[in-house]
Amino acid sequence: MGEEESPQITRRTTRASSSNPNLNSAAETVLHNCNSQPLTHNDLVYGDEPISFDDLICSFPGRRIQILELLQLLGPLNSPVIPLFIYGGACRGKTSTVLQIFRHLNRPFVYSSCLTCYSPRILFESILNQLLLHRKHEGNGYSSAKRCERPSEFVNLLREALGNIINSLKGNMGKSNSKKLVGQAKGQIIYLIFDNLELVRDWEKSSNILPFLFMLYDIMKMPEVGLIFISNTSPDTYYFNTGYTEPVPLYFPEYTEDDLRQILMRNQCNPKLYSSFLDVLLRPFSRITRRVDELSTAFPALFKKYCEPLSDLGIFPNEKMKRMLFSHLQPHIAPSLNEIFRVEAGHNKDKAKGKGNARKAEGVSEASDEVEFHMSTSAKYLLISAFLASRNPATLDASLFDSTGGSDNRKRKRK
């Protein structure tokens, strides 16, 4: 949101100008002005100005159906909305689609990711800081507007903060009708977006926090508040025996091969050359993974190898040249395909080291049972099937796959 985006620009400026004292002082002045500038309810919208519907659709290949359905669920301006549950595998454009839809609608919202807000207190305080238009900076000691650790405290503080921001939005409706401003928040409904919800299950008090988040709509009983949950796992993994308004599910399927082609073809200097490259690699790679991040990691090095025989990267390859480039690239395809099965997990290793150091400090020695590498879904299925096949007795295989049922014909003919 606004309080998180502004320091990023000044931080980049400070880093670039670290060797120049004049630029350093200028950057400090910009940072001081940014921190001293009070936030308004217009900082709860995404982007400087809204985007058109056509730009929204073009930005997300293969997501037209999901965009139209989400727009229908959000409804017209100021219409109440029941909780929404957006789910699908990783790297399917869930978060980006939701944020750009709110940019198109220009409606105010509060976004909190359970990846960066890794505890209930940080999550609660992040939401309250945005609603109270509070920015952390050196002047306030980088402290939150309210300290909140328990769900009961969060409900009271949230109701108060929402009441203030909703009254502010209602008060500005008349001003926006008389004079249209760029970046002006539209509507009187505030949306709370919880991203990476599946990570809450790893928290210490997840058995209490998850039901609380799903029951928040019934607890608040405020029609001016909408809840949106974004998760990599399906709603079935969040089943609870407590009664609450069940969120409306919206599934984001895997990208098709055509969708991946449109995504990967963006911002290419020579579209025809890169298209010939995708003709060779996209199909075999998409059989293993359709995650955009994994393909975006593997393809640049391969494309560089693909272009090595060329002296001019702006050339349009003919069929003869395509065959020559493919023969040059072919020895590197199989090793790269194998790399898709094995993704380095430096973050997991750091986590394991941290846990190991903590256990040593406590005087406890435990064997680590964490897997320090990532496998694709197809590799996991292959491993499971191989394990199940190794556990089957030979007689069972014979009875299932042998036409005689595993019995000896000679015994049948015996008199």
Protein backbone atom coordinates (compact mmCIF):
# COMPACT_ATOMS: atom_id res chain seq x y z
CA MET A 1 0.00 0.00 0.00
CA GLY A 2 0.99 3.65 0.13
CA GLU A 3 3.00 3.47 3.32
CA GLU A 4 5.01 0.55 2.03
CA GLU A 5 5.57 1.74 -1.55
CA SER A 6 6.92 5.23 -0.83
CA PRO A 7 10.02 4.22 1.17
CA GLN A 8 11.02 1.79 -1.58
CA ILE A 9 11.59 4.62 -4.07
CA THR A 10 13.63 6.69 -1.64
CA ARG A 11 15.59 3.64 -0.53
CA ARG A 12 16.56 2.93 -4.14
CA THR A 13 17.61 6.57 -4.56
CA THR A 14 19.71 6.47 -1.42
CA ARG A 15 21.46 3.31 -2.55
CA ALA A 16 22.27 4.76 -5.98
CA SER A 17 23.59 8.01 -4.54
CA SER A 18 25.60 6.58 -1.64
CA SER A 19 28.89 7.81 -3.09
CA ASN A 20 27.76 11.43 -3.56
CA PRO A 21 27.17 13.51 -0.41
CA ASN A 22 25.04 16.07 -2.28
CA LEU A 23 22.77 13.34 -3.62
CA ASN A 24 22.70 11.79 -0.16
CA SER A 25 21.38 14.99 1.39
CA ALA A 26 18.82 15.32 -1.40
CA ALA A 27 17.65 11.75 -0.83
CA GLU A 28 17.34 12.38 2.90
CA THR A 29 15.24 15.46 2.18
CA VAL A 30 12.93 13.43 -0.08
CA LEU A 31 12.66 10.73 2.58
CA HIS A 32 11.84 13.32 5.26
CA ASN A 33 9.16 14.92 3.10
CA CYS A 34 7.69 11.49 2.27
CA ASN A 35 7.48 10.49 5.93
CA SER A 36 6.12 13.85 7.09
CA GLN A 37 3.40 13.87 4.43
CA PRO A 38 0.17 12.59 6.03
CA LEU A 39 -1.70 9.72 4.43
CA THR A 40 -5.30 10.03 3.26
CA HIS A 41 -8.01 7.53 2.41
CA ASN A 42 -6.98 7.91 -1.26
CA ASP A 43 -3.78 6.02 -0.37
CA LEU A 44 -5.94 2.91 0.03
CA VAL A 45 -6.38 2.61 -3.75
CA TYR A 46 -3.89 0.78 -5.99
CA GLY A 47 -1.85 2.75 -8.51
CA ASP A 48 -1.81 6.40 -9.43
CA GLU A 49 -4.70 6.13 -11.88
CA PRO A 50 -7.15 3.37 -12.87
CA ILE A 51 -6.70 1.19 -15.94
CA SER A 52 -9.29 0.42 -18.58
CA PHE A 53 -11.11 -2.91 -18.90
CA ASP A 54 -9.30 -3.72 -22.15
CA ASP A 55 -5.91 -3.15 -20.53
CA LEU A 56 -6.99 -5.34 -17.62
CA ILE A 57 -7.94 -8.23 -19.90
CA CYS A 58 -4.80 -7.88 -22.02
CA SER A 59 -2.58 -7.89 -18.93
CA PHE A 60 -3.61 -11.44 -17.95
CA PRO A 61 -3.74 -13.99 -20.78
CA GLY A 62 -6.04 -16.90 -20.01
CA ARG A 63 -7.75 -15.12 -17.11
CA ARG A 64 -10.69 -13.46 -18.86
CA ILE A 65 -13.23 -15.84 -17.31
CA GLN A 66 -11.86 -15.35 -13.80
CA ILE A 67 -11.73 -11.55 -14.21
CA LEU A 68 -15.34 -11.37 -15.40
CA GLU A 69 -16.52 -13.66 -12.60
CA LEU A 70 -14.65 -11.68 -9.95
CA LEU A 71 -16.07 -8.41 -11.26
CA GLN A 72 -19.54 -9.92 -11.09
CA LEU A 73 -18.97 -11.12 -7.51
CA LEU A 74 -17.73 -7.69 -6.41
CA GLY A 75 -20.84 -6.17 -7.95
CA PRO A 76 -21.71 -2.54 -8.63
CA LEU A 77 -20.39 0.33 -6.56
CA ASN A 78 -21.37 0.21 -2.85
CA SER A 79 -23.03 -3.20 -3.15
CA PRO A 80 -22.35 -5.54 -0.18
CA VAL A 81 -20.30 -8.63 -0.96
CA ILE A 82 -20.00 -11.89 0.95
CA PRO A 83 -16.50 -13.32 1.58
CA LEU A 84 -14.61 -14.59 -1.49
CA PHE A 85 -12.08 -17.42 -1.54
CA ILE A 86 -9.69 -17.27 -4.51
CA TYR A 87 -7.52 -20.36 -4.84
CA GLY A 88 -5.23 -22.20 -7.24
CA GLY A 89 -1.63 -23.34 -7.48
CA ALA A 90 1.34 -21.05 -7.12
CA CYS A 91 2.22 -18.59 -9.89
CA ARG A 92 -1.21 -18.53 -11.53
CA GLY A 93 -1.77 -14.77 -11.31
CA LYS A 94 -4.22 -14.75 -8.40
CA THR A 95 -2.76 -11.82 -6.44
CA SER A 96 -1.82 -9.76 -9.51
CA THR A 97 -5.28 -10.20 -11.00
CA VAL A 98 -7.04 -9.13 -7.81
CA LEU A 99 -4.86 -6.05 -7.35
CA GLN A 100 -5.27 -4.93 -10.97
CA ILE A 101 -9.05 -5.44 -10.74
CA PHE A 102 -9.13 -3.09 -7.76
CA ARG A 103 -6.99 -0.67 -9.72
CA HIS A 104 -9.53 -0.84 -12.55
CA LEU A 105 -12.42 -0.29 -10.14
CA ASN A 106 -10.44 2.30 -8.11
CA ARG A 107 -11.95 1.00 -4.87
CA PRO A 108 -10.20 1.22 -1.48
CA PHE A 109 -8.79 -1.94 0.07
CA VAL A 110 -6.31 -3.17 2.67
CA TYR A 111 -3.83 -5.82 1.55
CA SER A 112 -1.96 -8.09 3.98
CA SER A 113 0.19 -11.05 3.00
CA CYS A 114 0.63 -13.86 5.51
CA LEU A 115 4.10 -14.33 4.03
CA THR A 116 5.41 -11.01 5.34
CA CYS A 117 2.94 -10.85 8.23
CA TYR A 118 4.17 -14.10 9.75
CA SER A 119 2.39 -13.90 13.13
CA PRO A 120 -1.05 -12.84 14.39
CA ARG A 121 0.29 -9.66 15.98
CA ILE A 122 2.07 -8.51 12.80
CA LEU A 123 -0.99 -9.34 10.70
CA PHE A 124 -3.39 -7.47 12.99
CA GLU A 125 -1.12 -4.43 13.29
CA SER A 126 -0.52 -4.31 9.53
CA ILE A 127 -4.26 -4.08 8.87
CA LEU A 128 -4.78 -1.47 11.58
CA ASN A 129 -1.85 0.65 10.37
CA GLN A 130 -3.33 0.86 6.89
CA LEU A 131 -6.83 1.64 8.13
CA LEU A 132 -5.55 4.26 10.57
CA LEU A 133 -3.43 5.79 7.77
CA HIS A 134 -0.31 5.25 9.85
CA ARG A 135 3.15 5.07 8.29
CA LYS A 136 6.14 3.69 10.16
CA HIS A 137 9.20 5.90 10.04
CA GLU A 138 12.14 7.04 12.10
CA GLY A 139 10.15 9.79 13.77
CA ASN A 140 7.79 7.34 15.51
CA GLY A 141 10.46 4.71 16.08
CA TYR A 142 8.98 2.48 13.35
CA SER A 143 6.20 1.54 15.75
CA SER A 144 2.62 0.59 14.91
CA ALA A 145 -0.37 2.81 15.56
CA LYS A 146 -1.88 0.24 17.93
CA ARG A 147 -0.36 -2.77 19.62
CA CYS A 148 -2.66 -5.75 19.14
CA GLU A 149 -1.96 -9.39 19.91
CA ARG A 150 -5.32 -11.01 20.70
CA PRO A 151 -8.26 -11.50 18.32
CA SER A 152 -10.66 -9.89 20.80
CA GLU A 153 -8.58 -6.70 20.85
CA PHE A 154 -8.31 -6.79 17.07
CA VAL A 155 -12.10 -6.91 16.62
CA ASN A 156 -12.66 -3.80 18.77
CA LEU A 157 -9.84 -1.84 17.16
CA LEU A 158 -10.86 -2.97 13.67
CA ARG A 159 -14.47 -1.91 14.17
CA GLU A 160 -13.35 1.52 15.35
CA ALA A 161 -10.85 1.99 12.50
CA LEU A 162 -13.34 0.82 9.87
CA GLY A 163 -15.99 3.18 11.21
CA ASN A 164 -13.63 6.15 10.87
CA ILE A 165 -12.46 5.29 7.36
CA ILE A 166 -16.02 4.55 6.15
CA ASN A 167 -17.25 7.91 7.49
CA SER A 168 -14.33 9.57 5.71
CA LEU A 169 -15.25 7.84 2.45
CA LYS A 170 -18.90 8.90 2.81
CA GLY A 171 -17.87 12.48 3.49
CA ASN A 172 -15.84 12.63 0.28
CA MET A 173 -18.62 11.27 -1.93
CA GLY A 174 -20.09 14.76 -2.40
CA LYS A 175 -16.70 16.28 -3.21
CA SER A 176 -15.96 13.59 -5.81
CA ASN A 177 -19.33 14.24 -7.49
CA SER A 178 -18.62 17.94 -7.85
CA LYS A 179 -14.99 17.56 -8.93
CA LYS A 180 -13.43 14.41 -10.35
CA LEU A 181 -9.94 13.77 -9.02
CA VAL A 182 -7.34 11.33 -10.33
CA GLY A 183 -6.72 8.59 -7.78
CA GLN A 184 -9.88 9.43 -5.83
CA ALA A 185 -11.19 6.35 -3.98
CA LYS A 186 -14.61 5.27 -5.22
CA GLY A 187 -17.35 3.81 -3.07
CA GLN A 188 -18.03 3.42 0.63
CA ILE A 189 -16.97 -0.22 1.00
CA ILE A 190 -13.52 -1.20 2.25
CA TYR A 191 -12.13 -4.63 1.31
CA LEU A 192 -9.75 -6.66 3.46
CA ILE A 193 -7.51 -8.93 1.36
CA PHE A 194 -5.65 -11.80 3.05
CA ASP A 195 -3.00 -13.30 0.76
CA ASN A 196 -1.01 -16.56 1.20
CA LEU A 197 -3.61 -17.81 3.65
CA GLU A 198 -2.22 -21.37 3.60
CA LEU A 199 0.85 -20.15 5.53
CA VAL A 200 -1.29 -19.44 8.60
CA ARG A 201 -1.48 -23.19 9.20
CA ASP A 202 2.22 -23.11 10.14
CA TRP A 203 1.66 -20.55 12.88
CA GLU A 204 1.66 -21.57 16.51
CA LYS A 205 -2.01 -20.68 17.12
CA SER A 206 -3.30 -21.53 13.66
CA SER A 207 -6.16 -23.63 15.09
CA ASN A 208 -7.58 -20.43 16.57
CA ILE A 209 -6.53 -17.83 14.00
CA LEU A 210 -7.91 -19.53 10.87
CA PRO A 211 -11.46 -20.02 12.24
CA PHE A 212 -11.32 -16.46 13.53
CA LEU A 213 -10.46 -15.05 10.10
CA PHE A 214 -13.27 -17.00 8.44
CA MET A 215 -15.72 -15.90 11.14
CA LEU A 216 -14.64 -12.25 10.93
CA TYR A 217 -17.46 -11.42 8.49
CA ASP A 218 -20.09 -12.74 10.93
CA ILE A 219 -18.38 -11.14 13.92
CA MET A 220 -18.15 -7.66 12.39
CA LYS A 221 -21.65 -7.64 10.83
CA MET A 222 -20.75 -4.58 8.78
CA PRO A 223 -22.12 -4.48 5.21
CA GLU A 224 -19.48 -1.89 4.31
CA VAL A 225 -16.70 -4.48 4.74
CA GLY A 226 -15.73 -7.18 2.23
CA LEU A 227 -13.32 -10.05 2.85
CA ILE A 228 -11.17 -11.69 0.17
CA PHE A 229 -8.99 -14.71 0.92
CA ILE A 230 -6.25 -15.80 -1.51
CA SER A 231 -4.73 -19.25 -1.09
CA ASN A 232 -2.66 -21.82 -2.96
CA THR A 233 -4.78 -24.65 -1.53
CA SER A 234 -8.46 -25.46 -1.99
CA PRO A 235 -11.23 -24.54 0.48
CA ASP A 236 -11.48 -28.21 1.55
CA THR A 237 -8.19 -27.86 3.44
CA TYR A 238 -9.74 -25.21 5.71
CA TYR A 239 -12.76 -27.15 6.95
CA PHE A 240 -13.82 -26.28 10.51
CA ASN A 241 -16.73 -27.39 12.65
CA THR A 242 -17.50 -23.81 13.65
CA GLY A 243 -20.39 -22.14 11.89
CA TYR A 244 -19.53 -19.22 9.59
CA THR A 245 -20.62 -17.75 6.28
CA GLU A 246 -18.94 -19.95 3.70
CA PRO A 247 -16.86 -17.92 1.24
CA VAL A 248 -17.66 -18.07 -2.48
CA PRO A 249 -14.84 -20.05 -4.16
CA LEU A 250 -13.16 -18.89 -7.35
CA TYR A 251 -10.64 -21.27 -8.92
CA PHE A 252 -7.64 -20.21 -11.03
CA PRO A 253 -6.68 -23.18 -13.25
CA GLU A 254 -3.26 -23.93 -14.70
CA TYR A 255 -2.15 -21.91 -17.69
CA THR A 256 -2.52 -23.61 -21.03
CA GLU A 257 0.36 -23.81 -23.48
CA ASP A 258 -1.09 -20.92 -25.48
CA ASP A 259 -1.41 -18.82 -22.32
CA LEU A 260 2.22 -19.49 -21.42
CA ARG A 261 3.29 -18.50 -24.91
CA GLN A 262 1.48 -15.16 -24.64
CA ILE A 263 3.01 -14.47 -21.22
CA LEU A 264 6.56 -15.38 -22.24
CA MET A 265 6.35 -13.46 -25.52
CA ARG A 266 5.92 -10.15 -23.74
CA ASN A 267 8.61 -7.49 -24.02
CA GLN A 268 10.74 -9.51 -26.43
CA CYS A 269 13.06 -7.52 -28.70
CA ASN A 270 12.69 -10.02 -31.57
CA PRO A 271 9.28 -11.72 -31.28
CA LYS A 272 9.81 -13.96 -34.33
CA LEU A 273 13.13 -15.26 -33.05
CA TYR A 274 11.75 -15.92 -29.58
CA SER A 275 8.65 -17.54 -31.06
CA SER A 276 10.85 -20.02 -32.95
CA PHE A 277 12.66 -20.69 -29.65
CA LEU A 278 9.34 -21.40 -27.88
CA ASP A 279 8.27 -23.71 -30.71
CA VAL A 280 11.15 -25.96 -29.71
CA LEU A 281 11.04 -25.81 -25.90
CA LEU A 282 7.62 -24.80 -24.63
CA ARG A 283 5.82 -28.09 -25.24
CA PRO A 284 8.35 -30.43 -23.54
CA PHE A 285 8.80 -28.03 -20.62
CA SER A 286 5.07 -27.47 -20.14
CA ARG A 287 4.62 -31.23 -19.68
CA ILE A 288 6.79 -31.00 -16.57
CA THR A 289 5.78 -27.62 -15.16
CA ARG A 290 3.49 -24.76 -16.08
CA ARG A 291 4.69 -22.40 -13.40
CA VAL A 292 5.67 -19.11 -14.95
CA ASP A 293 8.44 -18.50 -12.42
CA GLU A 294 10.17 -21.82 -13.16
CA LEU A 295 9.91 -21.33 -16.92
CA SER A 296 11.13 -17.74 -16.64
CA THR A 297 14.15 -18.99 -14.72
CA ALA A 298 15.03 -21.80 -17.14
CA PHE A 299 14.41 -20.09 -20.50
CA PRO A 300 16.82 -17.08 -20.46
CA ALA A 301 19.96 -19.25 -20.29
CA LEU A 302 18.59 -21.58 -22.98
CA PHE A 303 17.65 -18.66 -25.22
CA LYS A 304 21.17 -17.32 -24.87
CA LYS A 305 22.51 -20.70 -26.02
CA TYR A 306 19.94 -20.74 -28.82
CA CYS A 307 21.22 -17.39 -30.13
CA GLU A 308 24.96 -18.16 -29.90
CA PRO A 309 25.38 -19.03 -33.61
CA LEU A 310 23.73 -15.73 -34.62
CA SER A 311 25.78 -12.61 -35.24
CA ASP A 312 22.67 -10.41 -35.50
CA LEU A 313 19.89 -10.91 -32.93
CA GLY A 314 17.48 -8.85 -35.00
CA ILE A 315 17.37 -11.40 -37.80
CA PHE A 316 14.17 -13.24 -38.77
CA PRO A 317 15.07 -16.96 -38.88
CA ASN A 318 13.97 -19.13 -41.83
CA GLU A 319 13.37 -22.88 -41.66
CA LYS A 320 16.99 -23.75 -42.41
CA MET A 321 18.25 -21.43 -39.72
CA LYS A 322 15.69 -22.81 -37.23
CA ARG A 323 17.00 -26.34 -37.79
CA MET A 324 20.57 -25.13 -37.31
CA LEU A 325 19.69 -23.31 -34.07
CA PHE A 326 17.80 -26.34 -32.77
CA SER A 327 20.73 -28.67 -33.43
CA HIS A 328 22.97 -26.27 -31.51
CA LEU A 329 20.53 -26.13 -28.57
CA GLN A 330 19.55 -29.80 -28.44
CA PRO A 331 22.41 -31.02 -26.15
CA HIS A 332 21.39 -28.48 -23.49
CA ILE A 333 17.66 -29.32 -23.38
CA ALA A 334 17.80 -32.58 -21.40
CA PRO A 335 20.02 -31.20 -18.57
CA SER A 336 17.75 -28.18 -18.26
CA LEU A 337 14.68 -30.41 -18.09
CA ASN A 338 16.30 -32.33 -15.25
CA GLU A 339 16.98 -29.07 -13.43
CA ILE A 340 13.24 -28.41 -13.30
CA PHE A 341 12.94 -31.40 -10.96
CA ARG A 342 15.60 -30.01 -8.66
CA VAL A 343 15.19 -26.40 -7.54
CA GLU A 344 17.68 -25.06 -5.06
CA ALA A 345 16.02 -24.08 -1.81
CA GLY A 346 18.45 -21.74 -0.14
CA HIS A 347 15.61 -20.31 1.95
CA ASN A 348 14.79 -23.75 3.36
CA LYS A 349 18.47 -24.34 4.13
CA ASP A 350 18.67 -21.07 6.02
CA LYS A 351 15.55 -22.01 7.93
CA ALA A 352 16.98 -25.40 8.78
CA LYS A 353 20.23 -23.78 9.95
CA GLY A 354 18.30 -21.34 12.10
CA LYS A 355 16.31 -24.13 13.68
CA GLY A 356 19.46 -26.16 14.22
CA ASN A 357 21.18 -23.25 15.96
CA ALA A 358 18.13 -22.71 18.16
CA ARG A 359 18.09 -26.39 19.12
CA LYS A 360 21.82 -26.31 19.91
CA ALA A 361 21.27 -23.27 22.09
CA GLU A 362 18.57 -25.12 23.98
CA GLY A 363 20.76 -28.18 24.33
CA VAL A 364 18.49 -30.35 22.22
CA SER A 365 19.87 -32.49 19.39
CA GLU A 366 17.28 -33.64 16.88
CA ALA A 367 17.65 -35.05 13.40
CA SER A 368 16.24 -32.71 10.80
CA ASP A 369 13.34 -34.30 8.90
CA GLU A 370 12.91 -31.44 6.41
CA VAL A 371 13.41 -32.07 2.73
CA GLU A 372 15.87 -29.48 1.46
CA PHE A 373 14.89 -29.61 -2.21
CA HIS A 374 11.79 -29.05 -4.27
CA MET A 375 10.23 -31.54 -6.70
CA SER A 376 7.59 -30.85 -9.31
CA THR A 377 4.17 -32.47 -9.06
CA SER A 378 4.93 -35.04 -11.76
CA ALA A 379 8.10 -36.11 -9.94
CA LYS A 380 6.16 -36.56 -6.70
CA TYR A 381 3.54 -38.75 -8.41
CA LEU A 382 6.29 -40.80 -10.01
CA LEU A 383 7.97 -41.33 -6.64
CA ILE A 384 4.70 -42.31 -4.94
CA SER A 385 3.78 -44.77 -7.69
CA ALA A 386 7.23 -46.37 -7.54
CA PHE A 387 6.90 -46.78 -3.77
CA LEU A 388 3.43 -48.32 -4.01
CA ALA A 389 4.59 -50.72 -6.73
CA SER A 390 7.49 -51.86 -4.55
CA ARG A 391 5.09 -52.74 -1.72
CA ASN A 392 2.82 -54.96 -3.81
CA PRO A 393 3.49 -58.71 -3.49
CA ALA A 394 4.20 -60.65 -6.67
CA THR A 395 1.01 -62.69 -6.25
CA LEU A 396 -1.08 -59.51 -6.31
CA ASP A 397 0.55 -58.32 -9.54
CA ALA A 398 -0.08 -61.73 -11.10
CA SER A 399 -3.73 -61.75 -10.07
CA LEU A 400 -4.25 -58.25 -11.46
CA PHE A 401 -2.27 -58.39 -14.71
CA ASP A 402 -1.92 -62.08 -15.59
CA SER A 403 -4.62 -63.44 -17.90
CA THR A 404 -4.66 -66.73 -16.00
CA GLY A 405 -5.02 -64.98 -12.66
CA GLY A 406 -1.64 -66.20 -11.49
CA SER A 407 -2.63 -69.88 -11.34
CA ASP A 408 -0.67 -72.69 -13.01
CA ASN A 409 -2.46 -74.38 -15.91
CA ARG A 410 -0.72 -77.64 -15.18
CA LYS A 411 -2.47 -77.81 -11.82
CA ARG A 412 -5.84 -77.37 -13.51
CA LYS A 413 -5.21 -80.32 -15.86
CA ARG A 414 -4.15 -82.52 -13.01
CA LYS A 415 -6.51 -85.48 -12.44
